[in-house]
C-alpha atoms as a PDB file:
ATOM      1  CA  MET A   1      -9.081 -23.154 -27.887  1.00  0.00           C
ATOM      2  CA  ASN A   2      -6.226 -23.695 -26.411  1.00  0.00           C
ATOM      3  CA  PHE A   3      -3.438 -21.335 -23.671  1.00  0.00           C
ATOM      4  CA  PHE A   4      -0.087 -22.493 -23.220  1.00  0.00           C
ATOM      5  CA  LEU A   5       1.533 -19.986 -19.980  1.00  0.00           C
ATOM      6  CA  SER A   6       4.635 -20.329 -19.125  1.00  0.00           C
ATOM      7  CA  ASP A   7       5.583 -18.493 -16.056  1.00  0.00           C
ATOM      8  CA  PRO A   8       7.223 -18.462 -12.356  1.00  0.00           C
ATOM      9  CA  THR A   9       5.735 -19.039  -9.253  1.00  0.00           C
ATOM     10  CA  PRO A  10       6.443 -18.476  -6.004  1.00  0.00           C
ATOM     11  CA  ASN A  11       7.876 -21.266  -4.117  1.00  0.00           C
ATOM     12  CA  GLU A  12       5.117 -22.819  -2.114  1.00  0.00           C
ATOM     13  CA  ALA A  13       6.262 -21.213   1.308  1.00  0.00           C
ATOM     14  CA  ASP A  14       7.280 -17.824   0.448  1.00  0.00           C
ATOM     15  CA  HIS A  15       3.352 -16.232   1.392  1.00  0.00           C
ATOM     16  CA  ASP A  16       5.008 -13.842   1.695  1.00  0.00           C
ATOM     17  CA  ARG A  17       6.122 -13.162  -1.271  1.00  0.00           C
ATOM     18  CA  PHE A  18       9.871 -12.413  -1.082  1.00  0.00           C
ATOM     19  CA  VAL A  19      10.026 -13.654  -4.965  1.00  0.00           C
ATOM     20  CA  ASP A  20       8.456 -10.840  -6.334  1.00  0.00           C
ATOM     21  CA  ALA A  21       9.644  -8.121  -3.754  1.00  0.00           C
ATOM     22  CA  TYR A  22      13.773  -9.838  -4.383  1.00  0.00           C
ATOM     23  CA  MET A  23      12.501  -8.829  -8.617  1.00  0.00           C
ATOM     24  CA  GLN A  24      11.582  -5.944  -7.452  1.00  0.00           C
ATOM     25  CA  LEU A  25      14.366  -4.125  -6.728  1.00  0.00           C
ATOM     26  CA  LYS A  26      14.551  -4.394 -10.443  1.00  0.00           C
ATOM     27  CA  LYS A  27      12.775  -1.895 -12.808  1.00  0.00           C
ATOM     28  CA  ASP A  28      11.049  -3.375 -14.600  1.00  0.00           C
ATOM     29  CA  GLY A  29       7.387  -3.860 -14.204  1.00  0.00           C
ATOM     30  CA  HIS A  30       7.873  -6.574 -12.203  1.00  0.00           C
ATOM     31  CA  ILE A  31       5.057  -6.814 -10.189  1.00  0.00           C
ATOM     32  CA  LYS A  32       3.780 -11.152  -8.751  1.00  0.00           C
ATOM     33  CA  PHE A  33       4.232 -13.415 -10.229  1.00  0.00           C
ATOM     34  CA  TYR A  34       1.666 -16.270  -9.354  1.00  0.00           C
ATOM     35  CA  THR A  35       0.665 -19.659  -8.083  1.00  0.00           C
ATOM     36  CA  LEU A  36      -1.228 -21.898 -10.030  1.00  0.00           C
ATOM     37  CA  ALA A  37      -4.287 -21.415  -7.719  1.00  0.00           C
ATOM     38  CA  GLU A  38      -3.955 -17.532  -8.937  1.00  0.00           C
ATOM     39  CA  TRP A  39      -3.496 -18.928 -11.736  1.00  0.00           C
ATOM     40  CA  ASN A  40      -6.292 -21.810 -12.358  1.00  0.00           C
ATOM     41  CA  ASP A  41      -9.277 -18.587 -10.738  1.00  0.00           C
ATOM     42  CA  ILE A  42      -8.280 -16.406 -13.204  1.00  0.00           C
ATOM     43  CA  CYS A  43      -8.390 -18.448 -16.476  1.00  0.00           C
ATOM     44  CA  GLY A  44     -11.808 -19.784 -15.025  1.00  0.00           C
ATOM     45  CA  GLN A  45     -12.537 -16.239 -14.955  1.00  0.00           C
ATOM     46  CA  GLU A  46     -12.751 -16.517 -18.074  1.00  0.00           C
ATOM     47  CA  GLY A  47     -14.411 -19.690 -19.105  1.00  0.00           C
ATOM     48  CA  LEU A  48     -11.124 -22.137 -19.799  1.00  0.00           C
ATOM     49  CA  THR A  49     -10.368 -25.069 -17.411  1.00  0.00           C
ATOM     50  CA  LEU A  50      -6.752 -26.303 -17.362  1.00  0.00           C
ATOM     51  CA  THR A  51      -6.630 -29.793 -18.438  1.00  0.00           C
ATOM     52  CA  ALA A  52      -2.771 -30.248 -18.255  1.00  0.00           C
ATOM     53  CA  SER A  53       0.732 -28.568 -15.704  1.00  0.00           C
ATOM     54  CA  PHE A  54       4.152 -29.484 -14.722  1.00  0.00           C
ATOM     55  CA  THR A  55       7.258 -26.842 -12.791  1.00  0.00           C
ATOM     56  CA  SER A  56      10.074 -27.061 -14.141  1.00  0.00           C
ATOM     57  CA  SER A  57      12.911 -24.083 -12.657  1.00  0.00           C
ATOM     58  CA  ILE A  58      14.549 -20.290 -13.902  1.00  0.00           C
ATOM     59  CA  ARG A  59      17.996 -19.672 -12.596  1.00  0.00           C
ATOM     60  CA  PHE A  60      17.770 -15.513 -12.816  1.00  0.00           C
ATOM     61  CA  PRO A  61      21.288 -13.752 -12.186  1.00  0.00           C
ATOM     62  CA  LYS A  62      21.355  -9.515 -10.710  1.00  0.00           C
ATOM     63  CA  LYS A  63      24.142  -7.008 -10.478  1.00  0.00           C
ATOM     64  CA  LYS A  64      24.292  -7.270  -6.943  1.00  0.00           C
ATOM     65  CA  ASP A  65      25.845  -3.255  -7.466  1.00  0.00           C
ATOM     66  CA  THR A  66      22.387  -2.111  -8.964  1.00  0.00           C
ATOM     67  CA  ALA A  67      20.124  -4.368  -6.483  1.00  0.00           C
ATOM     68  CA  PHE A  68      19.347  -2.043  -3.719  1.00  0.00           C
ATOM     69  CA  GLY A  69      18.328  -2.293  -1.043  1.00  0.00           C
ATOM     70  CA  PHE A  70      19.312  -5.798  -1.025  1.00  0.00           C
ATOM     71  CA  ASN A  71      20.391  -6.301   2.435  1.00  0.00           C
ATOM     72  CA  GLU A  72      17.507  -5.089   3.592  1.00  0.00           C
ATOM     73  CA  LEU A  73      15.395  -7.022   1.653  1.00  0.00           C
ATOM     74  CA  LEU A  74      16.899 -10.188   3.452  1.00  0.00           C
ATOM     75  CA  GLU A  75      16.572  -8.536   6.725  1.00  0.00           C
ATOM     76  CA  LYS A  76      13.071  -8.638   6.414  1.00  0.00           C
ATOM     77  CA  TYR A  77      12.154 -12.331   4.447  1.00  0.00           C
ATOM     78  CA  ASP A  78      11.894 -16.006   6.801  1.00  0.00           C
ATOM     79  CA  GLU A  79      15.577 -17.404   5.736  1.00  0.00           C
ATOM     80  CA  LYS A  80      14.419 -20.368   5.267  1.00  0.00           C
ATOM     81  CA  VAL A  81      12.096 -18.633   3.066  1.00  0.00           C
ATOM     82  CA  ILE A  82      14.931 -17.153   1.173  1.00  0.00           C
ATOM     83  CA  ALA A  83      16.908 -20.990   1.260  1.00  0.00           C
ATOM     84  CA  GLY A  84      14.329 -22.041  -0.521  1.00  0.00           C
ATOM     85  CA  TYR A  85      15.091 -19.911  -4.060  1.00  0.00           C
ATOM     86  CA  ASP A  86      18.722 -21.372  -2.940  1.00  0.00           C
ATOM     87  CA  LEU A  87      20.068 -17.309  -3.500  1.00  0.00           C
ATOM     88  CA  GLU A  88      23.751 -17.436  -3.829  1.00  0.00           C
ATOM     89  CA  ILE A  89      25.966 -14.066  -4.249  1.00  0.00           C
ATOM     90  CA  ILE A  90      29.570 -15.365  -6.715  1.00  0.00           C
ATOM     91  CA  GLY A  91      31.247 -11.756  -6.249  1.00  0.00           C
ATOM     92  CA  ASN A  92      28.450  -9.006  -8.280  1.00  0.00           C
ATOM     93  CA  GLU A  93      26.374 -11.158  -9.504  1.00  0.00           C
ATOM     94  CA  ILE A  94      23.066 -13.032  -7.376  1.00  0.00           C
ATOM     95  CA  TYR A  95      21.319 -15.875  -8.628  1.00  0.00           C
ATOM     96  CA  VAL A  96      18.218 -17.053  -7.622  1.00  0.00           C
ATOM     97  CA  THR A  97      16.289 -20.435  -8.484  1.00  0.00           C
ATOM     98  CA  GLU A  98      12.298 -19.504  -9.559  1.00  0.00           C
ATOM     99  CA  LYS A  99      10.009 -22.435  -9.523  1.00  0.00           C
ATOM    100  CA  VAL A 100       7.763 -22.013 -13.158  1.00  0.00           C
ATOM    101  CA  ASN A 101       4.221 -23.250 -13.824  1.00  0.00           C
ATOM    102  CA  ASN A 102       4.154 -24.501 -17.171  1.00  0.00           C
ATOM    103  CA  ILE A 103       0.099 -24.470 -17.726  1.00  0.00           C
ATOM    104  CA  LEU A 104      -1.738 -25.810 -20.444  1.00  0.00           C
ATOM    105  CA  PHE A 105      -5.761 -24.531 -20.655  1.00  0.00           C
ATOM    106  CA  ARG A 106      -8.731 -25.446 -22.746  1.00  0.00           C
ATOM    107  CA  LYS A 107     -12.471 -23.549 -23.512  1.00  0.00           C
END
């Protein structure tokens, strides 16, 4: 059995999880993005073995007028961590580029 997972992940420098707090500004149920090591632990508990992985990226837009608490969030996290997501504001849109784990597990 093969299991392929493609899921955004926090940047290596984002130890305090700015990206999760940012994504939680949208009330869609987001809780947490996992690192490759975390996915390996989760899947390993179910008997799956990491076979291959690569990273890609995705750029997410968000409407600034619906991102309540955005300015406070920017003040709370280190500027270098935020800059690592290529955060850009264009008009009413906030854009964040996130790394994506693409992982193949086998059982």
